[in-house]
C-alpha atoms as a PDB file:
ATOM      1  CA  MET A   1     -14.613 -38.272 -51.073  1.00  0.00           C
ATOM      2  CA  THR A   2     -15.653 -34.658 -48.385  1.00  0.00           C
ATOM      3  CA  SER A   3     -18.631 -32.059 -48.909  1.00  0.00           C
ATOM      4  CA  ASN A   4     -18.715 -28.981 -50.008  1.00  0.00           C
ATOM      5  CA  SER A   5     -19.720 -27.842 -46.884  1.00  0.00           C
ATOM      6  CA  ALA A   6     -17.149 -29.792 -45.126  1.00  0.00           C
ATOM      7  CA  GLN A   7     -15.189 -28.285 -47.744  1.00  0.00           C
ATOM      8  CA  ILE A   8     -15.454 -24.557 -46.644  1.00  0.00           C
ATOM      9  CA  VAL A   9     -15.348 -24.764 -43.079  1.00  0.00           C
ATOM     10  CA  MET A  10     -12.137 -27.056 -43.715  1.00  0.00           C
ATOM     11  CA  ALA A  11     -11.025 -23.566 -45.435  1.00  0.00           C
ATOM     12  CA  VAL A  12     -12.494 -20.900 -43.369  1.00  0.00           C
ATOM     13  CA  ILE A  13     -10.602 -22.409 -40.005  1.00  0.00           C
ATOM     14  CA  PRO A  14      -7.699 -21.002 -40.147  1.00  0.00           C
ATOM     15  CA  ILE A  15      -8.572 -17.731 -41.888  1.00  0.00           C
ATOM     16  CA  VAL A  16     -10.715 -17.299 -38.953  1.00  0.00           C
ATOM     17  CA  GLY A  17      -7.631 -18.469 -36.587  1.00  0.00           C
ATOM     18  CA  ILE A  18      -5.391 -15.900 -38.365  1.00  0.00           C
ATOM     19  CA  VAL A  19      -7.877 -12.921 -37.903  1.00  0.00           C
ATOM     20  CA  ILE A  20      -8.702 -13.797 -34.461  1.00  0.00           C
ATOM     21  CA  GLY A  21      -4.587 -13.518 -33.816  1.00  0.00           C
ATOM     22  CA  GLY A  22      -4.227 -10.047 -35.238  1.00  0.00           C
ATOM     23  CA  ILE A  23      -7.141  -8.590 -33.233  1.00  0.00           C
ATOM     24  CA  ILE A  24      -5.137 -10.046 -30.219  1.00  0.00           C
ATOM     25  CA  ILE A  25      -2.155  -9.204 -31.380  1.00  0.00           C
ATOM     26  CA  PHE A  26      -3.560  -5.089 -32.329  1.00  0.00           C
ATOM     27  CA  PHE A  27      -4.941  -4.838 -28.757  1.00  0.00           C
ATOM     28  CA  TYR A  28      -1.447  -5.930 -27.339  1.00  0.00           C
ATOM     29  CA  LEU A  29       0.225  -3.617 -29.653  1.00  0.00           C
ATOM     30  CA  LEU A  30      -2.168  -1.099 -28.837  1.00  0.00           C
ATOM     31  CA  TRP A  31      -2.726  -1.392 -24.568  1.00  0.00           C
ATOM     32  CA  HIS A  32       1.265  -1.498 -24.151  1.00  0.00           C
ATOM     33  CA  HIS A  33       1.344   1.034 -26.389  1.00  0.00           C
ATOM     34  CA  HIS A  34      -0.997   3.042 -24.498  1.00  0.00           C
ATOM     35  CA  GLU A  35       0.712   1.678 -20.568  1.00  0.00           C
ATOM     36  CA  ILE A  36       4.466   2.863 -22.078  1.00  0.00           C
ATOM     37  CA  LYS A  37       2.486   7.007 -22.302  1.00  0.00           C
ATOM     38  CA  LEU A  38       1.394   6.816 -18.950  1.00  0.00           C
ATOM     39  CA  GLN A  39       4.706   5.957 -17.517  1.00  0.00           C
ATOM     40  CA  ILE A  40       6.311   8.757 -19.595  1.00  0.00           C
ATOM     41  CA  LYS A  41       3.813  10.447 -18.749  1.00  0.00           C
ATOM     42  CA  THR A  42       4.189   9.902 -14.626  1.00  0.00           C
ATOM     43  CA  GLY A  43       8.233   9.736 -15.176  1.00  0.00           C
ATOM     44  CA  THR A  44       8.846   6.263 -14.590  1.00  0.00           C
ATOM     45  CA  TYR A  45       9.238   3.736 -16.982  1.00  0.00           C
ATOM     46  CA  SER A  46      12.281   2.298 -17.953  1.00  0.00           C
ATOM     47  CA  PRO A  47      13.311   0.848 -21.148  1.00  0.00           C
ATOM     48  CA  SER A  48      14.294  -2.782 -20.705  1.00  0.00           C
ATOM     49  CA  LYS A  49      17.421  -3.925 -21.811  1.00  0.00           C
ATOM     50  CA  PHE A  50      17.555  -6.416 -25.313  1.00  0.00           C
ATOM     51  CA  ASP A  51      20.129  -8.942 -24.651  1.00  0.00           C
ATOM     52  CA  LEU A  52      21.264  -9.804 -28.253  1.00  0.00           C
ATOM     53  CA  LYS A  53      23.775 -12.767 -27.128  1.00  0.00           C
ATOM     54  CA  THR A  54      21.987 -14.793 -25.139  1.00  0.00           C
ATOM     55  CA  PHE A  55      18.486 -14.105 -28.047  1.00  0.00           C
ATOM     56  CA  SER A  56      20.859 -15.601 -30.384  1.00  0.00           C
ATOM     57  CA  LEU A  57      22.459 -18.233 -28.599  1.00  0.00           C
ATOM     58  CA  LEU A  58      18.564 -19.638 -28.138  1.00  0.00           C
ATOM     59  CA  VAL A  59      17.068 -19.122 -31.780  1.00  0.00           C
ATOM     60  CA  GLY A  60      20.053 -20.215 -32.456  1.00  0.00           C
ATOM     61  CA  LEU A  61      20.272 -23.545 -31.197  1.00  0.00           C
ATOM     62  CA  LEU A  62      16.301 -24.087 -31.946  1.00  0.00           C
ATOM     63  CA  LEU A  63      16.630 -23.510 -35.356  1.00  0.00           C
ATOM     64  CA  THR A  64      19.609 -25.784 -35.232  1.00  0.00           C
ATOM     65  CA  GLY A  65      18.058 -28.241 -33.673  1.00  0.00           C
ATOM     66  CA  THR A  66      14.355 -28.164 -35.796  1.00  0.00           C
ATOM     67  CA  GLY A  67      15.861 -27.668 -39.191  1.00  0.00           C
ATOM     68  CA  THR A  68      18.016 -30.472 -38.298  1.00  0.00           C
ATOM     69  CA  ILE A  69      14.869 -32.910 -37.068  1.00  0.00           C
ATOM     70  CA  LEU A  70      13.184 -31.492 -40.698  1.00  0.00           C
ATOM     71  CA  THR A  71      15.417 -32.284 -42.721  1.00  0.00           C
ATOM     72  CA  LEU A  72      15.771 -35.591 -41.524  1.00  0.00           C
ATOM     73  CA  PHE A  73      12.461 -36.269 -41.342  1.00  0.00           C
ATOM     74  CA  PHE A  74      11.972 -34.921 -44.883  1.00  0.00           C
ATOM     75  CA  LEU A  75      15.063 -36.550 -46.821  1.00  0.00           C
ATOM     76  CA  LEU A  76      13.474 -39.612 -45.764  1.00  0.00           C
ATOM     77  CA  MET A  77      10.195 -38.595 -46.813  1.00  0.00           C
ATOM     78  CA  ALA A  78      10.587 -37.234 -49.812  1.00  0.00           C
ATOM     79  CA  GLY A  79      14.251 -37.782 -50.539  1.00  0.00           C
ATOM     80  CA  LEU A  80      16.172 -34.636 -52.609  1.00  0.00           C
ATOM     81  CA  GLY A  81      13.718 -32.299 -53.699  1.00  0.00           C
ATOM     82  CA  TYR A  82      12.272 -28.658 -53.295  1.00  0.00           C
ATOM     83  CA  ALA A  83      10.339 -29.999 -49.558  1.00  0.00           C
ATOM     84  CA  LEU A  84      13.480 -30.067 -48.650  1.00  0.00           C
ATOM     85  CA  LEU A  85      13.894 -26.467 -48.115  1.00  0.00           C
ATOM     86  CA  GLY A  86      11.723 -27.213 -45.477  1.00  0.00           C
ATOM     87  CA  GLY A  87      14.340 -28.036 -42.861  1.00  0.00           C
ATOM     88  CA  LEU A  88      17.745 -26.904 -45.351  1.00  0.00           C
ATOM     89  CA  ILE A  89      15.803 -22.872 -44.325  1.00  0.00           C
ATOM     90  CA  PRO A  90      15.810 -23.594 -40.649  1.00  0.00           C
ATOM     91  CA  LEU A  91      19.335 -25.628 -40.237  1.00  0.00           C
ATOM     92  CA  VAL A  92      21.051 -22.913 -42.011  1.00  0.00           C
ATOM     93  CA  ILE A  93      19.658 -20.265 -40.192  1.00  0.00           C
ATOM     94  CA  GLY A  94      20.656 -21.813 -37.031  1.00  0.00           C
ATOM     95  CA  LEU A  95      23.651 -22.356 -38.024  1.00  0.00           C
ATOM     96  CA  CYS A  96      24.613 -18.677 -39.137  1.00  0.00           C
ATOM     97  CA  MET A  97      22.743 -17.572 -35.907  1.00  0.00           C
ATOM     98  CA  LEU A  98      25.476 -20.203 -33.495  1.00  0.00           C
ATOM     99  CA  THR A  99      27.910 -18.744 -36.326  1.00  0.00           C
ATOM    100  CA  PHE A 100      26.999 -14.896 -35.394  1.00  0.00           C
ATOM    101  CA  TYR A 101      27.214 -16.116 -31.421  1.00  0.00           C
ATOM    102  CA  LYS A 102      30.382 -17.667 -32.113  1.00  0.00           C
ATOM    103  CA  VAL A 103      32.474 -14.685 -33.864  1.00  0.00           C
ATOM    104  CA  ASN A 104      31.016 -11.532 -32.743  1.00  0.00           C
ATOM    105  CA  PRO A 105      33.447  -9.243 -31.103  1.00  0.00           C
ATOM    106  CA  ASP A 106      31.894  -6.831 -28.349  1.00  0.00           C
ATOM    107  CA  PHE A 107      30.157 -10.919 -27.423  1.00  0.00           C
ATOM    108  CA  LYS A 108      33.505 -11.847 -26.582  1.00  0.00           C
ATOM    109  CA  GLU A 109      34.290  -8.249 -25.218  1.00  0.00           C
ATOM    110  CA  SER A 110      32.269  -9.328 -22.439  1.00  0.00           C
ATOM    111  CA  ASN A 111      33.423 -12.094 -21.679  1.00  0.00           C
ATOM    112  CA  ALA A 112      36.512 -10.670 -21.123  1.00  0.00           C
ATOM    113  CA  ASN A 113      34.832  -8.438 -17.976  1.00  0.00           C
END
């Protein structure tokens, strides 16, 4: 049995972490916004290109691997039940990303060049 003060501390730690993380993300986005504004003002801004092909392959592989391990873990630990969704959801999303990588016609055209 834990004391009430220990339970309060354990409940406050994640809240503090989320708040600090939110503050860090806010100031990063604010700094990045001001940096882009100054680059546009000085004429040195060049928009970055987003490589959807590499992103979909990387995310697909990572989610499929993570989802497979979690699915096996929850299946062995809890059996068939709602806990299994914790592994099946990333597994299915990963497989969908890999399918997107494979069937997207834009990706096939870029490989031909």
